[in-house]
């Protein structure tokens, strides 16, 4: 039940951002601020941002609902492939999971994900 509530609140935040234009405002100013940031710095900073956000929003669906409408276009505005943001999102959300979940973390998946981050750096 709590996951449904988190997703509903995240969707509400996403709709609110879209209706008020807050998403475009954040995207425009973030693009200006990060315009000269090289790819080797953008990818790790995005990874850290998602890892921190995953503590605040423990639902992966909720986190994707809130963040992807901004982070995907941000990557595209900076000249990077938006698919890289999806890879960074998928890799970063798994590390804090053992701290707030009763499930066991799949460490093999995390190791594979670390290997994929090296490929993300090469793609950028």
Protein backbone atom coordinates (compact mmCIF):
# COMPACT_ATOMS: atom_id res chain seq x y z
CA UNK A 1 0.00 0.00 0.00
CA UNK A 2 2.82 2.44 0.80
CA UNK A 3 4.32 2.00 -2.69
CA UNK A 4 1.01 3.01 -4.26
CA UNK A 5 0.95 6.13 -2.08
CA UNK A 6 4.51 7.08 -3.04
CA UNK A 7 3.76 6.62 -6.74
CA UNK A 8 0.56 8.68 -6.43
CA UNK A 9 2.38 11.52 -4.68
CA UNK A 10 5.21 11.37 -7.24
CA UNK A 11 2.71 11.50 -10.10
CA UNK A 12 1.00 14.43 -8.42
CA UNK A 13 4.33 16.24 -8.15
CA UNK A 14 5.03 15.50 -11.80
CA UNK A 15 1.64 16.85 -12.92
CA UNK A 16 2.07 19.92 -10.72
CA UNK A 17 5.49 20.59 -12.22
CA UNK A 18 4.10 20.20 -15.72
CA UNK A 19 1.07 22.43 -15.16
CA UNK A 20 3.02 25.24 -13.48
CA UNK A 21 5.98 25.12 -15.86
CA UNK A 22 8.37 24.36 -13.00
CA UNK A 23 9.89 21.48 -14.93
CA UNK A 24 10.78 23.76 -17.86
CA UNK A 25 12.13 26.40 -15.48
CA UNK A 26 14.36 23.89 -13.68
CA UNK A 27 15.46 22.36 -16.98
CA UNK A 28 16.34 25.73 -18.52
CA UNK A 29 18.36 26.94 -15.55
CA UNK A 30 20.06 23.60 -14.98
CA UNK A 31 21.07 23.50 -18.66
CA UNK A 32 22.57 26.97 -18.38
CA UNK A 33 24.40 26.13 -15.16
CA UNK A 34 25.78 22.81 -16.41
CA UNK A 35 26.49 23.95 -19.98
CA UNK A 36 30.27 23.66 -19.75
CA UNK A 37 30.38 20.53 -17.61
CA UNK A 38 32.36 17.73 -19.31
CA UNK A 39 30.88 14.26 -19.66
CA UNK A 40 33.37 12.67 -17.27
CA UNK A 41 31.96 14.90 -14.50
CA UNK A 42 28.28 14.86 -15.52
CA UNK A 43 27.82 11.08 -15.32
CA UNK A 44 29.24 10.62 -11.78
CA UNK A 45 27.37 13.67 -10.49
CA UNK A 46 24.12 12.31 -11.93
CA UNK A 47 24.86 8.97 -10.32
CA UNK A 48 25.40 10.60 -6.92
CA UNK A 49 22.23 12.68 -7.33
CA UNK A 50 20.16 9.58 -8.06
CA UNK A 51 21.75 7.66 -5.19
CA UNK A 52 20.84 10.48 -2.80
CA UNK A 53 17.33 10.84 -4.21
CA UNK A 54 16.75 7.11 -3.80
CA UNK A 55 17.01 7.60 -0.03
CA UNK A 56 14.33 10.28 -0.14
CA UNK A 57 12.04 8.47 -2.59
CA UNK A 58 12.42 4.73 -1.91
CA UNK A 59 10.06 3.73 -4.72
CA UNK A 60 11.90 3.22 -8.00
CA UNK A 61 8.74 3.98 -9.97
CA UNK A 62 8.13 7.12 -7.94
CA UNK A 63 11.72 8.26 -8.39
CA UNK A 64 11.52 7.70 -12.13
CA UNK A 65 8.21 9.57 -12.32
CA UNK A 66 9.65 12.60 -10.54
CA UNK A 67 13.15 12.72 -12.01
CA UNK A 68 13.08 11.40 -15.57
CA UNK A 69 11.03 14.28 -17.03
CA UNK A 70 13.87 16.58 -15.97
CA UNK A 71 17.02 14.46 -16.13
CA UNK A 72 16.38 12.90 -19.55
CA UNK A 73 15.84 16.22 -21.35
CA UNK A 74 18.68 17.77 -19.32
CA UNK A 75 21.07 15.18 -20.70
CA UNK A 76 19.74 15.80 -24.19
CA UNK A 77 20.08 19.59 -23.83
CA UNK A 78 23.69 19.13 -22.76
CA UNK A 79 24.38 17.01 -25.84
CA UNK A 80 24.42 13.57 -24.19
CA UNK A 81 22.35 10.54 -25.04
CA UNK A 82 19.21 10.44 -22.81
CA UNK A 83 19.49 6.64 -22.65
CA UNK A 84 22.60 7.14 -20.53
CA UNK A 85 20.42 8.75 -17.85
CA UNK A 86 18.26 5.64 -17.74
CA UNK A 87 21.38 3.50 -17.25
CA UNK A 88 22.66 5.79 -14.49
CA UNK A 89 19.22 5.69 -12.84
CA UNK A 90 19.06 1.90 -12.93
CA UNK A 91 22.55 1.49 -11.53
CA UNK A 92 22.27 4.03 -8.73
CA UNK A 93 18.97 2.95 -7.20
CA UNK A 94 20.18 -0.48 -6.11
CA UNK A 95 22.90 0.45 -3.63
CA UNK A 96 20.77 1.94 -0.81
CA UNK A 97 18.09 -0.75 -1.14
CA UNK A 98 19.35 -2.96 1.74
CA UNK A 99 19.02 0.01 4.10
CA UNK A 100 15.28 0.46 3.62
CA UNK A 101 14.11 -2.83 2.17
CA UNK A 102 13.41 -6.20 3.73
CA UNK A 103 14.54 -7.86 0.52
CA UNK A 104 18.07 -9.05 -0.02
CA UNK A 105 20.10 -6.97 -2.41
CA UNK A 106 21.25 -8.76 -5.52
CA UNK A 107 24.96 -8.06 -5.30
CA UNK A 108 25.64 -9.80 -8.58
CA UNK A 109 23.36 -7.35 -10.33
CA UNK A 110 25.15 -4.44 -8.62
CA UNK A 111 28.52 -5.73 -9.79
CA UNK A 112 27.23 -6.01 -13.34
CA UNK A 113 25.89 -2.51 -13.01
CA UNK A 114 29.27 -1.19 -11.90
CA UNK A 115 30.75 -2.78 -15.00
CA UNK A 116 28.07 -1.04 -17.11
CA UNK A 117 28.93 2.34 -15.61
CA UNK A 118 32.32 2.02 -17.26
CA UNK A 119 30.51 1.64 -20.58
CA UNK A 120 28.37 4.69 -19.82
CA UNK A 121 31.54 6.74 -19.42
CA UNK A 122 32.74 5.47 -22.79
CA UNK A 123 29.43 6.35 -24.48
CA UNK A 124 29.53 9.89 -23.15
